[in-house]
Protein backbone atom coordinates (compact mmCIF):
# COMPACT_ATOMS: atom_id res chain seq x y z
CA UNK A 1 0.00 0.00 0.00
CA UNK A 2 1.45 3.38 -0.97
CA UNK A 3 1.67 6.30 1.45
CA UNK A 4 -1.34 8.00 -0.20
CA UNK A 5 -3.40 4.82 0.01
CA UNK A 6 -2.47 4.40 3.67
CA UNK A 7 -3.51 8.01 4.34
CA UNK A 8 -6.86 7.30 2.66
CA UNK A 9 -7.51 4.21 4.79
CA UNK A 10 -6.33 5.95 7.97
CA UNK A 11 -8.65 8.87 7.24
CA UNK A 12 -11.64 6.53 6.96
CA UNK A 13 -10.71 4.70 10.16
CA UNK A 14 -10.20 7.95 12.09
CA UNK A 15 -13.24 9.89 10.85
CA UNK A 16 -15.92 7.22 10.62
CA UNK A 17 -17.58 5.27 13.40
CA UNK A 18 -18.87 2.36 11.33
CA UNK A 19 -17.97 0.32 8.26
CA UNK A 20 -18.13 2.44 5.10
CA UNK A 21 -19.57 -0.42 3.02
CA UNK A 22 -23.29 -0.82 2.51
CA UNK A 23 -24.87 -4.27 2.74
CA UNK A 24 -25.40 -4.31 -1.04
CA UNK A 25 -21.79 -3.28 -1.80
CA UNK A 26 -20.69 -6.80 -2.63
CA UNK A 27 -18.27 -7.14 0.30
CA UNK A 28 -18.49 -10.62 1.81
CA UNK A 29 -18.88 -9.58 5.44
CA UNK A 30 -18.94 -13.19 6.66
CA UNK A 31 -15.49 -13.94 5.21
CA UNK A 32 -13.75 -10.55 5.12
CA UNK A 33 -15.02 -8.48 8.05
CA UNK A 34 -12.94 -8.50 11.21
CA UNK A 35 -14.92 -5.70 12.84
CA UNK A 36 -14.64 -1.99 12.21
CA UNK A 37 -11.40 -0.60 13.62
CA UNK A 38 -9.99 -4.02 14.47
CA UNK A 39 -6.68 -5.36 13.13
CA UNK A 40 -7.17 -6.08 9.44
CA UNK A 41 -10.03 -3.62 8.95
CA UNK A 42 -7.83 -1.19 7.03
CA UNK A 43 -6.67 -3.97 4.71
CA UNK A 44 -10.30 -4.88 3.99
CA UNK A 45 -11.14 -1.23 3.20
CA UNK A 46 -8.13 -1.05 0.89
CA UNK A 47 -8.97 -4.32 -0.90
CA UNK A 48 -12.58 -3.26 -1.43
CA UNK A 49 -12.10 0.46 -2.07
CA UNK A 50 -13.65 0.07 -5.52
CA UNK A 51 -16.93 -0.84 -3.79
CA UNK A 52 -17.15 2.34 -1.69
CA UNK A 53 -19.28 4.17 -4.24
CA UNK A 54 -21.91 1.44 -4.55
CA UNK A 55 -25.18 2.51 -6.15
PDB file of N, CA and C in Angstrom:
ATOM      1  N   UNK A   1       0.857  -1.159   0.000  1.00  0.00           N
ATOM      2  CA  UNK A   1       0.000   0.000   0.000  1.00  0.00           C
ATOM      3  C   UNK A   1       0.911   1.232   0.000  1.00  0.00           C
ATOM      4  N   UNK A   2       0.638   2.161  -0.899  1.00  0.00           N
ATOM      5  CA  UNK A   2       1.449   3.377  -0.969  1.00  0.00           C
ATOM      6  C   UNK A   2       1.118   4.305   0.201  1.00  0.00           C
ATOM      7  N   UNK A   3       1.919   5.340   0.369  1.00  0.00           N
ATOM      8  CA  UNK A   3       1.670   6.304   1.449  1.00  0.00           C
ATOM      9  C   UNK A   3       0.317   6.993   1.277  1.00  0.00           C
ATOM     10  N   UNK A   4      -0.045   7.336   0.044  1.00  0.00           N
ATOM     11  CA  UNK A   4      -1.337   7.995  -0.196  1.00  0.00           C
ATOM     12  C   UNK A   4      -2.496   7.055   0.099  1.00  0.00           C
ATOM     13  N   UNK A   5      -2.350   5.802  -0.274  1.00  0.00           N
ATOM     14  CA  UNK A   5      -3.399   4.817   0.008  1.00  0.00           C
ATOM     15  C   UNK A   5      -3.536   4.596   1.511  1.00  0.00           C
ATOM     16  N   UNK A   6      -2.425   4.557   2.217  1.00  0.00           N
ATOM     17  CA  UNK A   6      -2.471   4.400   3.670  1.00  0.00           C
ATOM     18  C   UNK A   6      -3.144   5.605   4.315  1.00  0.00           C
ATOM     19  N   UNK A   7      -2.860   6.804   3.812  1.00  0.00           N
ATOM     20  CA  UNK A   7      -3.514   8.011   4.338  1.00  0.00           C
ATOM     21  C   UNK A   7      -5.022   7.942   4.127  1.00  0.00           C
ATOM     22  N   UNK A   8      -5.444   7.448   2.980  1.00  0.00           N
ATOM     23  CA  UNK A   8      -6.858   7.304   2.660  1.00  0.00           C
ATOM     24  C   UNK A   8      -7.545   6.354   3.645  1.00  0.00           C
ATOM     25  N   UNK A   9      -6.947   5.202   3.867  1.00  0.00           N
ATOM     26  CA  UNK A   9      -7.512   4.210   4.793  1.00  0.00           C
ATOM     27  C   UNK A   9      -7.500   4.754   6.221  1.00  0.00           C
ATOM     28  N   UNK A  10      -6.409   5.378   6.622  1.00  0.00           N
ATOM     29  CA  UNK A  10      -6.327   5.948   7.968  1.00  0.00           C
ATOM     30  C   UNK A  10      -7.390   7.030   8.172  1.00  0.00           C
ATOM     31  N   UNK A  11      -7.625   7.828   7.145  1.00  0.00           N
ATOM     32  CA  UNK A  11      -8.652   8.873   7.239  1.00  0.00           C
ATOM     33  C   UNK A  11     -10.022   8.246   7.502  1.00  0.00           C
ATOM     34  N   UNK A  12     -10.353   7.208   6.761  1.00  0.00           N
ATOM     35  CA  UNK A  12     -11.640   6.530   6.961  1.00  0.00           C
ATOM     36  C   UNK A  12     -11.732   5.971   8.377  1.00  0.00           C
ATOM     37  N   UNK A  13     -10.686   5.312   8.827  1.00  0.00           N
ATOM     38  CA  UNK A  13     -10.711   4.704  10.158  1.00  0.00           C
ATOM     39  C   UNK A  13     -10.802   5.747  11.273  1.00  0.00           C
ATOM     40  N   UNK A  14     -10.203   6.912  11.060  1.00  0.00           N
ATOM     41  CA  UNK A  14     -10.203   7.945  12.094  1.00  0.00           C
ATOM     42  C   UNK A  14     -11.448   8.827  12.091  1.00  0.00           C
ATOM     43  N   UNK A  15     -12.105   8.971  10.951  1.00  0.00           N
ATOM     44  CA  UNK A  15     -13.236   9.892  10.848  1.00  0.00           C
ATOM     45  C   UNK A  15     -14.602   9.214  10.895  1.00  0.00           C
ATOM     46  N   UNK A  16     -14.646   7.926  10.629  1.00  0.00           N
ATOM     47  CA  UNK A  16     -15.924   7.219  10.619  1.00  0.00           C
ATOM     48  C   UNK A  16     -16.071   6.403  11.897  1.00  0.00           C
ATOM     49  N   UNK A  17     -17.296   6.061  12.207  1.00  0.00           N
ATOM     50  CA  UNK A  17     -17.578   5.275  13.400  1.00  0.00           C
ATOM     51  C   UNK A  17     -18.213   3.933  13.062  1.00  0.00           C
ATOM     52  N   UNK A  18     -18.283   3.616  11.765  1.00  0.00           N
ATOM     53  CA  UNK A  18     -18.867   2.357  11.326  1.00  0.00           C
ATOM     54  C   UNK A  18     -18.257   2.005   9.975  1.00  0.00           C
ATOM     55  N   UNK A  19     -18.497   0.802   9.536  1.00  0.00           N
ATOM     56  CA  UNK A  19     -17.969   0.325   8.261  1.00  0.00           C
ATOM     57  C   UNK A  19     -18.527   1.172   7.113  1.00  0.00           C
ATOM     58  N   UNK A  20     -17.665   1.589   6.195  1.00  0.00           N
ATOM     59  CA  UNK A  20     -18.127   2.439   5.099  1.00  0.00           C
ATOM     60  C   UNK A  20     -18.865   1.678   3.990  1.00  0.00           C
ATOM     61  N   UNK A  21     -18.939   0.362   4.077  1.00  0.00           N
ATOM     62  CA  UNK A  21     -19.568  -0.420   3.024  1.00  0.00           C
ATOM     63  C   UNK A  21     -21.026  -0.710   3.346  1.00  0.00           C
ATOM     64  N   UNK A  22     -21.874  -0.496   2.364  1.00  0.00           N
ATOM     65  CA  UNK A  22     -23.288  -0.821   2.507  1.00  0.00           C
ATOM     66  C   UNK A  22     -23.477  -2.324   2.357  1.00  0.00           C
ATOM     67  N   UNK A  23     -24.589  -2.840   2.848  1.00  0.00           N
ATOM     68  CA  UNK A  23     -24.869  -4.270   2.739  1.00  0.00           C
ATOM     69  C   UNK A  23     -24.853  -4.742   1.296  1.00  0.00           C
ATOM     70  N   UNK A  24     -25.315  -3.914   0.378  1.00  0.00           N
ATOM     71  CA  UNK A  24     -25.398  -4.309  -1.035  1.00  0.00           C
ATOM     72  C   UNK A  24     -24.123  -3.999  -1.824  1.00  0.00           C
ATOM     73  N   UNK A  25     -23.033  -3.666  -1.131  1.00  0.00           N
ATOM     74  CA  UNK A  25     -21.793  -3.275  -1.802  1.00  0.00           C
ATOM     75  C   UNK A  25     -21.080  -4.438  -2.487  1.00  0.00           C
ATOM     76  N   UNK A  26     -21.374  -5.652  -2.059  1.00  0.00           N
ATOM     77  CA  UNK A  26     -20.687  -6.802  -2.632  1.00  0.00           C
ATOM     78  C   UNK A  26     -19.550  -7.309  -1.758  1.00  0.00           C
ATOM     79  N   UNK A  27     -19.291  -6.664  -0.638  1.00  0.00           N
ATOM     80  CA  UNK A  27     -18.272  -7.137   0.303  1.00  0.00           C
ATOM     81  C   UNK A  27     -18.846  -8.352   1.027  1.00  0.00           C
ATOM     82  N   UNK A  28     -18.067  -9.411   1.102  1.00  0.00           N
ATOM     83  CA  UNK A  28     -18.495 -10.617   1.813  1.00  0.00           C
ATOM     84  C   UNK A  28     -18.167 -10.434   3.292  1.00  0.00           C
ATOM     85  N   UNK A  29     -19.109  -9.901   4.040  1.00  0.00           N
ATOM     86  CA  UNK A  29     -18.878  -9.582   5.443  1.00  0.00           C
ATOM     87  C   UNK A  29     -18.594 -10.827   6.284  1.00  0.00           C
ATOM     88  N   UNK A  30     -19.168 -11.953   5.908  1.00  0.00           N
ATOM     89  CA  UNK A  30     -18.942 -13.193   6.660  1.00  0.00           C
ATOM     90  C   UNK A  30     -17.485 -13.645   6.569  1.00  0.00           C
ATOM     91  N   UNK A  31     -16.860 -13.472   5.419  1.00  0.00           N
ATOM     92  CA  UNK A  31     -15.487 -13.944   5.211  1.00  0.00           C
ATOM     93  C   UNK A  31     -14.441 -12.862   5.439  1.00  0.00           C
ATOM     94  N   UNK A  32     -14.772 -11.599   5.116  1.00  0.00           N
ATOM     95  CA  UNK A  32     -13.754 -10.549   5.125  1.00  0.00           C
ATOM     96  C   UNK A  32     -13.768  -9.657   6.356  1.00  0.00           C
ATOM     97  N   UNK A  33     -14.903  -9.468   6.978  1.00  0.00           N
ATOM     98  CA  UNK A  33     -15.022  -8.483   8.048  1.00  0.00           C
ATOM     99  C   UNK A  33     -14.415  -8.994   9.351  1.00  0.00           C
ATOM    100  N   UNK A  34     -13.541  -8.181   9.917  1.00  0.00           N
ATOM    101  CA  UNK A  34     -12.941  -8.496  11.208  1.00  0.00           C
ATOM    102  C   UNK A  34     -13.513  -7.599  12.299  1.00  0.00           C
ATOM    103  N   UNK A  35     -14.357  -6.675  11.918  1.00  0.00           N
ATOM    104  CA  UNK A  35     -14.920  -5.699  12.845  1.00  0.00           C
ATOM    105  C   UNK A  35     -14.304  -4.340  12.585  1.00  0.00           C
ATOM    106  N   UNK A  36     -15.138  -3.331  12.533  1.00  0.00           N
ATOM    107  CA  UNK A  36     -14.637  -1.991  12.211  1.00  0.00           C
ATOM    108  C   UNK A  36     -13.613  -1.537  13.252  1.00  0.00           C
ATOM    109  N   UNK A  37     -12.466  -1.098  12.761  1.00  0.00           N
ATOM    110  CA  UNK A  37     -11.403  -0.600  13.616  1.00  0.00           C
ATOM    111  C   UNK A  37     -10.494  -1.675  14.181  1.00  0.00           C
ATOM    112  N   UNK A  38     -10.822  -2.918  13.968  1.00  0.00           N
ATOM    113  CA  UNK A  38      -9.988  -4.021  14.466  1.00  0.00           C
ATOM    114  C   UNK A  38      -8.811  -4.251  13.516  1.00  0.00           C
ATOM    115  N   UNK A  39      -7.825  -5.022  13.986  1.00  0.00           N
ATOM    116  CA  UNK A  39      -6.681  -5.363  13.126  1.00  0.00           C
ATOM    117  C   UNK A  39      -7.188  -6.030  11.859  1.00  0.00           C
ATOM    118  N   UNK A  40      -6.753  -5.537  10.724  1.00  0.00           N
ATOM    119  CA  UNK A  40      -7.172  -6.080   9.443  1.00  0.00           C
ATOM    120  C   UNK A  40      -8.281  -5.288   8.779  1.00  0.00           C
ATOM    121  N   UNK A  41      -8.947  -4.421   9.515  1.00  0.00           N
ATOM    122  CA  UNK A  41     -10.033  -3.617   8.950  1.00  0.00           C
ATOM    123  C   UNK A  41      -9.519  -2.713   7.825  1.00  0.00           C
ATOM    124  N   UNK A  42      -8.397  -2.070   8.046  1.00  0.00           N
ATOM    125  CA  UNK A  42      -7.829  -1.189   7.031  1.00  0.00           C
ATOM    126  C   UNK A  42      -7.485  -1.933   5.756  1.00  0.00           C
ATOM    127  N   UNK A  43      -6.987  -3.166   5.896  1.00  0.00           N
ATOM    128  CA  UNK A  43      -6.673  -3.969   4.709  1.00  0.00           C
ATOM    129  C   UNK A  43      -7.938  -4.310   3.934  1.00  0.00           C
ATOM    130  N   UNK A  44      -9.029  -4.585   4.641  1.00  0.00           N
ATOM    131  CA  UNK A  44     -10.301  -4.879   3.986  1.00  0.00           C
ATOM    132  C   UNK A  44     -10.799  -3.649   3.236  1.00  0.00           C
ATOM    133  N   UNK A  45     -10.721  -2.475   3.867  1.00  0.00           N
ATOM    134  CA  UNK A  45     -11.143  -1.234   3.201  1.00  0.00           C
ATOM    135  C   UNK A  45     -10.320  -1.026   1.945  1.00  0.00           C
ATOM    136  N   UNK A  46      -9.014  -1.226   2.041  1.00  0.00           N
ATOM    137  CA  UNK A  46      -8.134  -1.049   0.888  1.00  0.00           C
ATOM    138  C   UNK A  46      -8.478  -2.030  -0.230  1.00  0.00           C
ATOM    139  N   UNK A  47      -8.661  -3.299   0.115  1.00  0.00           N
ATOM    140  CA  UNK A  47      -8.974  -4.320  -0.895  1.00  0.00           C
ATOM    141  C   UNK A  47     -10.301  -4.044  -1.595  1.00  0.00           C
ATOM    142  N   UNK A  48     -11.237  -3.456  -0.887  1.00  0.00           N
ATOM    143  CA  UNK A  48     -12.577  -3.257  -1.425  1.00  0.00           C
ATOM    144  C   UNK A  48     -12.909  -1.811  -1.741  1.00  0.00           C
ATOM    145  N   UNK A  49     -11.885  -0.974  -1.850  1.00  0.00           N
ATOM    146  CA  UNK A  49     -12.102   0.457  -2.072  1.00  0.00           C
ATOM    147  C   UNK A  49     -12.946   0.737  -3.311  1.00  0.00           C
ATOM    148  N   UNK A  50     -12.864  -0.126  -4.314  1.00  0.00           N
ATOM    149  CA  UNK A  50     -13.655   0.066  -5.521  1.00  0.00           C
ATOM    150  C   UNK A  50     -15.143  -0.078  -5.260  1.00  0.00           C
ATOM    151  N   UNK A  51     -15.527  -0.633  -4.124  1.00  0.00           N
ATOM    152  CA  UNK A  51     -16.932  -0.844  -3.793  1.00  0.00           C
ATOM    153  C   UNK A  51     -17.495   0.256  -2.885  1.00  0.00           C
ATOM    154  N   UNK A  52     -16.689   1.282  -2.580  1.00  0.00           N
ATOM    155  CA  UNK A  52     -17.151   2.338  -1.686  1.00  0.00           C
ATOM    156  C   UNK A  52     -18.263   3.196  -2.299  1.00  0.00           C
ATOM    157  N   UNK A  53     -18.284   3.327  -3.591  1.00  0.00           N
ATOM    158  CA  UNK A  53     -19.283   4.171  -4.243  1.00  0.00           C
ATOM    159  C   UNK A  53     -20.394   3.308  -4.841  1.00  0.00           C
ATOM    160  N   UNK A  54     -20.866   2.364  -4.094  1.00  0.00           N
ATOM    161  CA  UNK A  54     -21.910   1.437  -4.551  1.00  0.00           C
ATOM    162  C   UNK A  54     -23.221   2.183  -4.760  1.00  0.00           C
ATOM    163  N   UNK A  55     -23.868   1.905  -5.860  1.00  0.00           N
ATOM    164  CA  UNK A  55     -25.182   2.510  -6.149  1.00  0.00           C
ATOM    165  C   UNK A  55     -26.231   1.444  -6.198  1.00  0.00           C
TER     166      UNK A  55
END
